[in-house]
C-alpha atoms as a PDB file:
ATOM      1  CA  UNK A   1      80.966 -62.954   5.261  1.00  0.00           C
ATOM      2  CA  UNK A   2      84.438 -63.699   6.619  1.00  0.00           C
ATOM      3  CA  UNK A   3      87.278 -61.339   5.656  1.00  0.00           C
ATOM      4  CA  UNK A   4      89.412 -61.549   8.775  1.00  0.00           C
ATOM      5  CA  UNK A   5      91.705 -64.393   9.868  1.00  0.00           C
ATOM      6  CA  UNK A   6      89.517 -67.378  10.716  1.00  0.00           C
ATOM      7  CA  UNK A   7      89.624 -68.450  14.372  1.00  0.00           C
ATOM      8  CA  UNK A   8      87.709 -71.735  14.456  1.00  0.00           C
ATOM      9  CA  UNK A   9      88.392 -72.915  18.023  1.00  0.00           C
ATOM     10  CA  UNK A  10      87.252 -76.349  16.819  1.00  0.00           C
ATOM     11  CA  UNK A  11      83.852 -75.053  15.696  1.00  0.00           C
ATOM     12  CA  UNK A  12      82.729 -77.091  12.697  1.00  0.00           C
ATOM     13  CA  UNK A  13      81.585 -75.055   9.700  1.00  0.00           C
ATOM     14  CA  UNK A  14      79.009 -77.718   8.824  1.00  0.00           C
ATOM     15  CA  UNK A  15      77.170 -76.828  12.044  1.00  0.00           C
ATOM     16  CA  UNK A  16      76.376 -73.313  10.812  1.00  0.00           C
ATOM     17  CA  UNK A  17      72.781 -72.620   9.798  1.00  0.00           C
ATOM     18  CA  UNK A  18      73.614 -69.562   7.676  1.00  0.00           C
ATOM     19  CA  UNK A  19      75.401 -69.107   4.370  1.00  0.00           C
ATOM     20  CA  UNK A  20      79.147 -68.682   4.839  1.00  0.00           C
ATOM     21  CA  UNK A  21      81.272 -66.873   2.248  1.00  0.00           C
ATOM     22  CA  UNK A  22      85.045 -66.892   2.892  1.00  0.00           C
ATOM     23  CA  UNK A  23      87.651 -64.626   1.323  1.00  0.00           C
ATOM     24  CA  UNK A  24      91.271 -65.477   0.581  1.00  0.00           C
ATOM     25  CA  UNK A  25      93.781 -63.845   2.917  1.00  0.00           C
ATOM     26  CA  UNK A  26      97.516 -63.901   3.425  1.00  0.00           C
ATOM     27  CA  UNK A  27      97.397 -67.032   5.603  1.00  0.00           C
ATOM     28  CA  UNK A  28      95.621 -69.258   3.065  1.00  0.00           C
ATOM     29  CA  UNK A  29      98.416 -68.720   0.517  1.00  0.00           C
ATOM     30  CA  UNK A  30      96.080 -69.814  -2.276  1.00  0.00           C
ATOM     31  CA  UNK A  31      96.128 -73.368  -0.875  1.00  0.00           C
ATOM     32  CA  UNK A  32      94.257 -76.207  -2.559  1.00  0.00           C
ATOM     33  CA  UNK A  33      92.851 -77.083   0.869  1.00  0.00           C
ATOM     34  CA  UNK A  34      90.971 -73.770   0.944  1.00  0.00           C
ATOM     35  CA  UNK A  35      89.277 -74.496  -2.374  1.00  0.00           C
ATOM     36  CA  UNK A  36      88.372 -78.034  -1.349  1.00  0.00           C
ATOM     37  CA  UNK A  37      86.830 -76.838   1.917  1.00  0.00           C
ATOM     38  CA  UNK A  38      84.189 -74.524   0.444  1.00  0.00           C
ATOM     39  CA  UNK A  39      81.503 -74.912  -2.218  1.00  0.00           C
ATOM     40  CA  UNK A  40      81.642 -71.401  -3.646  1.00  0.00           C
ATOM     41  CA  UNK A  41      79.890 -69.702  -6.568  1.00  0.00           C
ATOM     42  CA  UNK A  42      81.811 -69.934  -9.832  1.00  0.00           C
ATOM     43  CA  UNK A  43      83.922 -66.885 -10.529  1.00  0.00           C
ATOM     44  CA  UNK A  44      87.486 -66.810 -11.822  1.00  0.00           C
ATOM     45  CA  UNK A  45      91.109 -67.625 -11.098  1.00  0.00           C
ATOM     46  CA  UNK A  46      92.131 -70.934  -9.565  1.00  0.00           C
ATOM     47  CA  UNK A  47      89.322 -73.498  -9.563  1.00  0.00           C
ATOM     48  CA  UNK A  48      87.038 -70.621 -10.636  1.00  0.00           C
ATOM     49  CA  UNK A  49      86.845 -69.771  -6.914  1.00  0.00           C
ATOM     50  CA  UNK A  50      89.754 -67.391  -6.350  1.00  0.00           C
ATOM     51  CA  UNK A  51      87.329 -64.520  -6.818  1.00  0.00           C
ATOM     52  CA  UNK A  52      83.573 -64.764  -7.200  1.00  0.00           C
ATOM     53  CA  UNK A  53      80.282 -62.916  -6.855  1.00  0.00           C
ATOM     54  CA  UNK A  54      76.610 -63.398  -6.099  1.00  0.00           C
ATOM     55  CA  UNK A  55      73.446 -61.329  -5.976  1.00  0.00           C
ATOM     56  CA  UNK A  56      70.722 -61.109  -3.379  1.00  0.00           C
ATOM     57  CA  UNK A  57      67.769 -58.922  -4.225  1.00  0.00           C
ATOM     58  CA  UNK A  58      69.037 -55.547  -5.400  1.00  0.00           C
ATOM     59  CA  UNK A  59      72.500 -56.128  -3.925  1.00  0.00           C
ATOM     60  CA  UNK A  60      75.517 -57.541  -5.735  1.00  0.00           C
ATOM     61  CA  UNK A  61      78.434 -58.876  -3.699  1.00  0.00           C
ATOM     62  CA  UNK A  62      81.908 -59.029  -5.243  1.00  0.00           C
ATOM     63  CA  UNK A  63      84.596 -61.053  -3.475  1.00  0.00           C
ATOM     64  CA  UNK A  64      88.195 -60.440  -4.575  1.00  0.00           C
ATOM     65  CA  UNK A  65      91.675 -61.821  -3.943  1.00  0.00           C
ATOM     66  CA  UNK A  66      93.872 -58.906  -2.852  1.00  0.00           C
ATOM     67  CA  UNK A  67      96.903 -61.037  -1.978  1.00  0.00           C
ATOM     68  CA  UNK A  68      98.282 -61.469  -5.496  1.00  0.00           C
ATOM     69  CA  UNK A  69     100.797 -59.043  -6.994  1.00  0.00           C
ATOM     70  CA  UNK A  70      99.292 -56.041  -8.749  1.00  0.00           C
ATOM     71  CA  UNK A  71     101.890 -56.552 -11.505  1.00  0.00           C
ATOM     72  CA  UNK A  72     100.809 -60.117 -12.292  1.00  0.00           C
ATOM     73  CA  UNK A  73      98.728 -61.289 -15.226  1.00  0.00           C
ATOM     74  CA  UNK A  74      96.259 -62.970 -12.883  1.00  0.00           C
ATOM     75  CA  UNK A  75      95.636 -59.649 -11.114  1.00  0.00           C
ATOM     76  CA  UNK A  76      94.886 -58.036 -14.480  1.00  0.00           C
ATOM     77  CA  UNK A  77      92.437 -60.846 -15.237  1.00  0.00           C
ATOM     78  CA  UNK A  78      90.770 -60.403 -11.865  1.00  0.00           C
ATOM     79  CA  UNK A  79      90.391 -56.651 -12.411  1.00  0.00           C
ATOM     80  CA  UNK A  80      88.863 -57.168 -15.867  1.00  0.00           C
ATOM     81  CA  UNK A  81      86.456 -59.707 -14.370  1.00  0.00           C
ATOM     82  CA  UNK A  82      85.489 -57.211 -11.645  1.00  0.00           C
ATOM     83  CA  UNK A  83      84.773 -54.451 -14.173  1.00  0.00           C
ATOM     84  CA  UNK A  84      82.530 -56.824 -16.117  1.00  0.00           C
ATOM     85  CA  UNK A  85      80.678 -57.638 -12.902  1.00  0.00           C
ATOM     86  CA  UNK A  86      79.906 -53.949 -12.458  1.00  0.00           C
ATOM     87  CA  UNK A  87      78.843 -53.558 -16.095  1.00  0.00           C
ATOM     88  CA  UNK A  88      76.627 -56.646 -16.049  1.00  0.00           C
ATOM     89  CA  UNK A  89      74.819 -55.717 -12.833  1.00  0.00           C
ATOM     90  CA  UNK A  90      73.820 -52.112 -13.424  1.00  0.00           C
ATOM     91  CA  UNK A  91      71.213 -50.736 -11.052  1.00  0.00           C
ATOM     92  CA  UNK A  92      72.273 -52.905  -8.118  1.00  0.00           C
ATOM     93  CA  UNK A  93      73.939 -51.836  -4.890  1.00  0.00           C
ATOM     94  CA  UNK A  94      77.559 -52.967  -4.969  1.00  0.00           C
ATOM     95  CA  UNK A  95      79.383 -54.340  -1.932  1.00  0.00           C
ATOM     96  CA  UNK A  96      83.033 -55.330  -2.388  1.00  0.00           C
ATOM     97  CA  UNK A  97      85.049 -57.597  -0.091  1.00  0.00           C
ATOM     98  CA  UNK A  98      88.781 -58.372   0.033  1.00  0.00           C
ATOM     99  CA  UNK A  99      91.371 -59.008   2.734  1.00  0.00           C
ATOM    100  CA  UNK A 100      93.971 -56.206   2.504  1.00  0.00           C
ATOM    101  CA  UNK A 101      92.635 -52.710   3.327  1.00  0.00           C
ATOM    102  CA  UNK A 102      93.951 -49.738   1.371  1.00  0.00           C
ATOM    103  CA  UNK A 103      94.707 -47.906   4.630  1.00  0.00           C
ATOM    104  CA  UNK A 104      95.125 -48.527   8.340  1.00  0.00           C
ATOM    105  CA  UNK A 105      96.037 -46.647  11.525  1.00  0.00           C
ATOM    106  CA  UNK A 106      97.723 -49.528  13.329  1.00  0.00           C
ATOM    107  CA  UNK A 107     100.717 -48.737  15.524  1.00  0.00           C
ATOM    108  CA  UNK A 108     102.343 -52.021  14.473  1.00  0.00           C
ATOM    109  CA  UNK A 109     105.355 -51.003  12.393  1.00  0.00           C
ATOM    110  CA  UNK A 110     105.002 -53.664   9.706  1.00  0.00           C
ATOM    111  CA  UNK A 111     101.339 -52.870   8.949  1.00  0.00           C
ATOM    112  CA  UNK A 112     101.736 -51.153   5.606  1.00  0.00           C
ATOM    113  CA  UNK A 113      99.413 -49.111   3.414  1.00  0.00           C
ATOM    114  CA  UNK A 114      98.484 -50.915   0.196  1.00  0.00           C
ATOM    115  CA  UNK A 115      99.060 -48.002  -2.174  1.00  0.00           C
ATOM    116  CA  UNK A 116      99.417 -50.076  -5.351  1.00  0.00           C
ATOM    117  CA  UNK A 117      96.185 -51.907  -4.650  1.00  0.00           C
ATOM    118  CA  UNK A 118      94.435 -48.606  -3.992  1.00  0.00           C
ATOM    119  CA  UNK A 119      95.772 -47.126  -7.229  1.00  0.00           C
ATOM    120  CA  UNK A 120      94.520 -50.122  -9.206  1.00  0.00           C
ATOM    121  CA  UNK A 121      91.061 -50.523  -7.690  1.00  0.00           C
ATOM    122  CA  UNK A 122      89.798 -47.356  -5.995  1.00  0.00           C
ATOM    123  CA  UNK A 123      89.160 -45.433  -9.253  1.00  0.00           C
ATOM    124  CA  UNK A 124      87.111 -48.397 -10.495  1.00  0.00           C
ATOM    125  CA  UNK A 125      85.049 -48.477  -7.302  1.00  0.00           C
ATOM    126  CA  UNK A 126      84.331 -44.766  -7.684  1.00  0.00           C
ATOM    127  CA  UNK A 127      83.457 -45.088 -11.370  1.00  0.00           C
ATOM    128  CA  UNK A 128      80.838 -47.757 -10.677  1.00  0.00           C
ATOM    129  CA  UNK A 129      79.416 -46.213  -7.496  1.00  0.00           C
ATOM    130  CA  UNK A 130      80.377 -48.929  -5.019  1.00  0.00           C
ATOM    131  CA  UNK A 131      78.530 -48.380  -1.747  1.00  0.00           C
ATOM    132  CA  UNK A 132      80.751 -50.105   0.807  1.00  0.00           C
ATOM    133  CA  UNK A 133      84.090 -51.952   0.809  1.00  0.00           C
ATOM    134  CA  UNK A 134      84.793 -54.466   3.586  1.00  0.00           C
ATOM    135  CA  UNK A 135      88.320 -55.555   4.543  1.00  0.00           C
ATOM    136  CA  UNK A 136      90.188 -57.555   7.190  1.00  0.00           C
ATOM    137  CA  UNK A 137      93.905 -58.136   7.872  1.00  0.00           C
ATOM    138  CA  UNK A 138      94.309 -55.394  10.501  1.00  0.00           C
ATOM    139  CA  UNK A 139      93.195 -56.806  13.858  1.00  0.00           C
ATOM    140  CA  UNK A 140      90.964 -53.874  14.807  1.00  0.00           C
ATOM    141  CA  UNK A 141      87.858 -52.018  13.671  1.00  0.00           C
ATOM    142  CA  UNK A 142      88.301 -49.012  11.392  1.00  0.00           C
ATOM    143  CA  UNK A 143      86.046 -46.994   9.106  1.00  0.00           C
ATOM    144  CA  UNK A 144      87.255 -44.674   6.383  1.00  0.00           C
ATOM    145  CA  UNK A 145      85.332 -42.565   3.883  1.00  0.00           C
ATOM    146  CA  UNK A 146      86.742 -41.276   0.638  1.00  0.00           C
ATOM    147  CA  UNK A 147      84.991 -39.813  -2.395  1.00  0.00           C
ATOM    148  CA  UNK A 148      81.594 -41.106  -1.357  1.00  0.00           C
ATOM    149  CA  UNK A 149      82.604 -44.690  -0.554  1.00  0.00           C
ATOM    150  CA  UNK A 150      82.695 -46.238   2.916  1.00  0.00           C
ATOM    151  CA  UNK A 151      85.636 -48.541   3.670  1.00  0.00           C
ATOM    152  CA  UNK A 152      85.278 -50.767   6.738  1.00  0.00           C
ATOM    153  CA  UNK A 153      87.993 -52.936   8.273  1.00  0.00           C
ATOM    154  CA  UNK A 154      86.501 -55.539  10.579  1.00  0.00           C
ATOM    155  CA  UNK A 155      89.305 -57.360  12.366  1.00  0.00           C
ATOM    156  CA  UNK A 156      87.902 -57.987  15.823  1.00  0.00           C
ATOM    157  CA  UNK A 157      86.901 -61.600  15.290  1.00  0.00           C
ATOM    158  CA  UNK A 158      89.187 -63.363  17.758  1.00  0.00           C
ATOM    159  CA  UNK A 159      92.757 -63.150  16.451  1.00  0.00           C
ATOM    160  CA  UNK A 160      95.445 -61.411  18.593  1.00  0.00           C
ATOM    161  CA  UNK A 161      94.771 -57.666  18.593  1.00  0.00           C
ATOM    162  CA  UNK A 162      96.918 -54.936  17.080  1.00  0.00           C
ATOM    163  CA  UNK A 163      98.247 -52.836  19.965  1.00  0.00           C
ATOM    164  CA  UNK A 164      96.392 -49.600  19.369  1.00  0.00           C
ATOM    165  CA  UNK A 165      96.357 -46.862  16.763  1.00  0.00           C
ATOM    166  CA  UNK A 166      99.295 -44.630  15.925  1.00  0.00           C
ATOM    167  CA  UNK A 167      99.317 -41.010  17.091  1.00  0.00           C
ATOM    168  CA  UNK A 168      98.759 -39.434  13.676  1.00  0.00           C
ATOM    169  CA  UNK A 169      95.452 -40.749  12.375  1.00  0.00           C
ATOM    170  CA  UNK A 170      94.824 -40.745   8.618  1.00  0.00           C
ATOM    171  CA  UNK A 171      92.645 -37.767   7.613  1.00  0.00           C
ATOM    172  CA  UNK A 172      89.877 -39.838   6.008  1.00  0.00           C
ATOM    173  CA  UNK A 173      89.413 -41.916   9.186  1.00  0.00           C
ATOM    174  CA  UNK A 174      85.892 -41.661  10.612  1.00  0.00           C
ATOM    175  CA  UNK A 175      85.983 -44.223  13.415  1.00  0.00           C
ATOM    176  CA  UNK A 176      88.311 -46.796  14.950  1.00  0.00           C
ATOM    177  CA  UNK A 177      88.384 -49.214  17.885  1.00  0.00           C
ATOM    178  CA  UNK A 178      91.337 -51.359  18.949  1.00  0.00           C
ATOM    179  CA  UNK A 179      91.312 -54.233  21.427  1.00  0.00           C
ATOM    180  CA  UNK A 180      87.597 -54.987  21.050  1.00  0.00           C
ATOM    181  CA  UNK A 181      85.861 -58.110  19.776  1.00  0.00           C
ATOM    182  CA  UNK A 182      83.155 -56.991  17.366  1.00  0.00           C
ATOM    183  CA  UNK A 183      80.725 -57.983  14.677  1.00  0.00           C
ATOM    184  CA  UNK A 184      78.843 -56.069  12.000  1.00  0.00           C
ATOM    185  CA  UNK A 185      75.190 -56.228  11.000  1.00  0.00           C
ATOM    186  CA  UNK A 186      74.191 -54.733   7.651  1.00  0.00           C
ATOM    187  CA  UNK A 187      70.551 -54.130   6.734  1.00  0.00           C
ATOM    188  CA  UNK A 188      69.549 -53.042   3.239  1.00  0.00           C
ATOM    189  CA  UNK A 189      66.100 -51.635   2.449  1.00  0.00           C
ATOM    190  CA  UNK A 190      64.797 -49.884  -0.649  1.00  0.00           C
ATOM    191  CA  UNK A 191      65.632 -46.525   0.921  1.00  0.00           C
ATOM    192  CA  UNK A 192      68.889 -47.007   2.826  1.00  0.00           C
ATOM    193  CA  UNK A 193      71.729 -49.170   4.093  1.00  0.00           C
ATOM    194  CA  UNK A 194      72.080 -49.453   7.869  1.00  0.00           C
ATOM    195  CA  UNK A 195      75.370 -50.623   9.376  1.00  0.00           C
ATOM    196  CA  UNK A 196      75.602 -51.493  13.064  1.00  0.00           C
ATOM    197  CA  UNK A 197      78.940 -52.394  14.663  1.00  0.00           C
ATOM    198  CA  UNK A 198      78.614 -54.100  18.039  1.00  0.00           C
ATOM    199  CA  UNK A 199      81.407 -54.648  20.559  1.00  0.00           C
ATOM    200  CA  UNK A 200      81.013 -57.821  22.635  1.00  0.00           C
ATOM    201  CA  UNK A 201      84.349 -58.073  24.456  1.00  0.00           C
ATOM    202  CA  UNK A 202      87.169 -55.724  25.473  1.00  0.00           C
ATOM    203  CA  UNK A 203      90.760 -56.839  26.048  1.00  0.00           C
ATOM    204  CA  UNK A 204      93.018 -55.679  28.848  1.00  0.00           C
ATOM    205  CA  UNK A 205      96.292 -54.388  27.365  1.00  0.00           C
ATOM    206  CA  UNK A 206      95.126 -55.664  23.955  1.00  0.00           C
ATOM    207  CA  UNK A 207      95.524 -59.262  25.186  1.00  0.00           C
ATOM    208  CA  UNK A 208      92.897 -61.454  23.520  1.00  0.00           C
ATOM    209  CA  UNK A 209      93.231 -63.905  26.430  1.00  0.00           C
ATOM    210  CA  UNK A 210      92.011 -61.248  28.884  1.00  0.00           C
ATOM    211  CA  UNK A 211      88.547 -60.371  27.655  1.00  0.00           C
ATOM    212  CA  UNK A 212      85.810 -58.619  29.606  1.00  0.00           C
ATOM    213  CA  UNK A 213      82.319 -59.020  28.096  1.00  0.00           C
ATOM    214  CA  UNK A 214      80.748 -55.758  26.930  1.00  0.00           C
ATOM    215  CA  UNK A 215      77.610 -54.704  25.100  1.00  0.00           C
ATOM    216  CA  UNK A 216      78.689 -51.575  23.277  1.00  0.00           C
ATOM    217  CA  UNK A 217      77.695 -49.808  20.081  1.00  0.00           C
ATOM    218  CA  UNK A 218      81.017 -49.054  18.375  1.00  0.00           C
ATOM    219  CA  UNK A 219      79.675 -47.461  15.220  1.00  0.00           C
ATOM    220  CA  UNK A 220      76.465 -46.828  13.309  1.00  0.00           C
ATOM    221  CA  UNK A 221      76.155 -45.621   9.727  1.00  0.00           C
ATOM    222  CA  UNK A 222      73.239 -45.000   7.403  1.00  0.00           C
ATOM    223  CA  UNK A 223      73.624 -44.643   3.647  1.00  0.00           C
ATOM    224  CA  UNK A 224      70.700 -43.225   1.689  1.00  0.00           C
ATOM    225  CA  UNK A 225      69.992 -44.965  -1.600  1.00  0.00           C
ATOM    226  CA  UNK A 226      68.961 -42.888  -4.583  1.00  0.00           C
END
């Protein structure tokens, strides 16, 4: 699952031997090229691909477009579609993915908190017992927990790093790592969800061109399933 800005470095997607599910971000700008590039499950919005979902076993994955205005008619349609996804997949473990995180601790001045998006969607996530929300946009790793839901920002995929966290960390922050290339492995069993965050490279002075290889466990979370 790709939430963060895509850094291809001339790697061809057709060479991948795993399923690849992209998510619209602020750089795609809802471009026709994005929709033509990927054969996605039918969902809703433009080309029925702007948001979509799929199930695997007892897990249901919901992929949303967080870039559109919360005041727009298309955002209302997306939210209605999302609620129906929750209603029509009762008993499954819900994982939600979208680009903009509700919160961040970045020291970059123009990294804002997405309060309107949080106001529109967080109560719905809590009502339908979403397990984990995954986000991108902020070029760092962060984990938040609020009202029983884990929110993970995974932005260490190769884009230029944000230059560290601000001094006053948000109170619902549980973990963060800036200047580190990372990936996340999620394992779901009948009893629990296991999340492993692995650091593979650390940047000097947050410069993505000056990477030292590392093999570091950045975070580990277990969620018991009822």
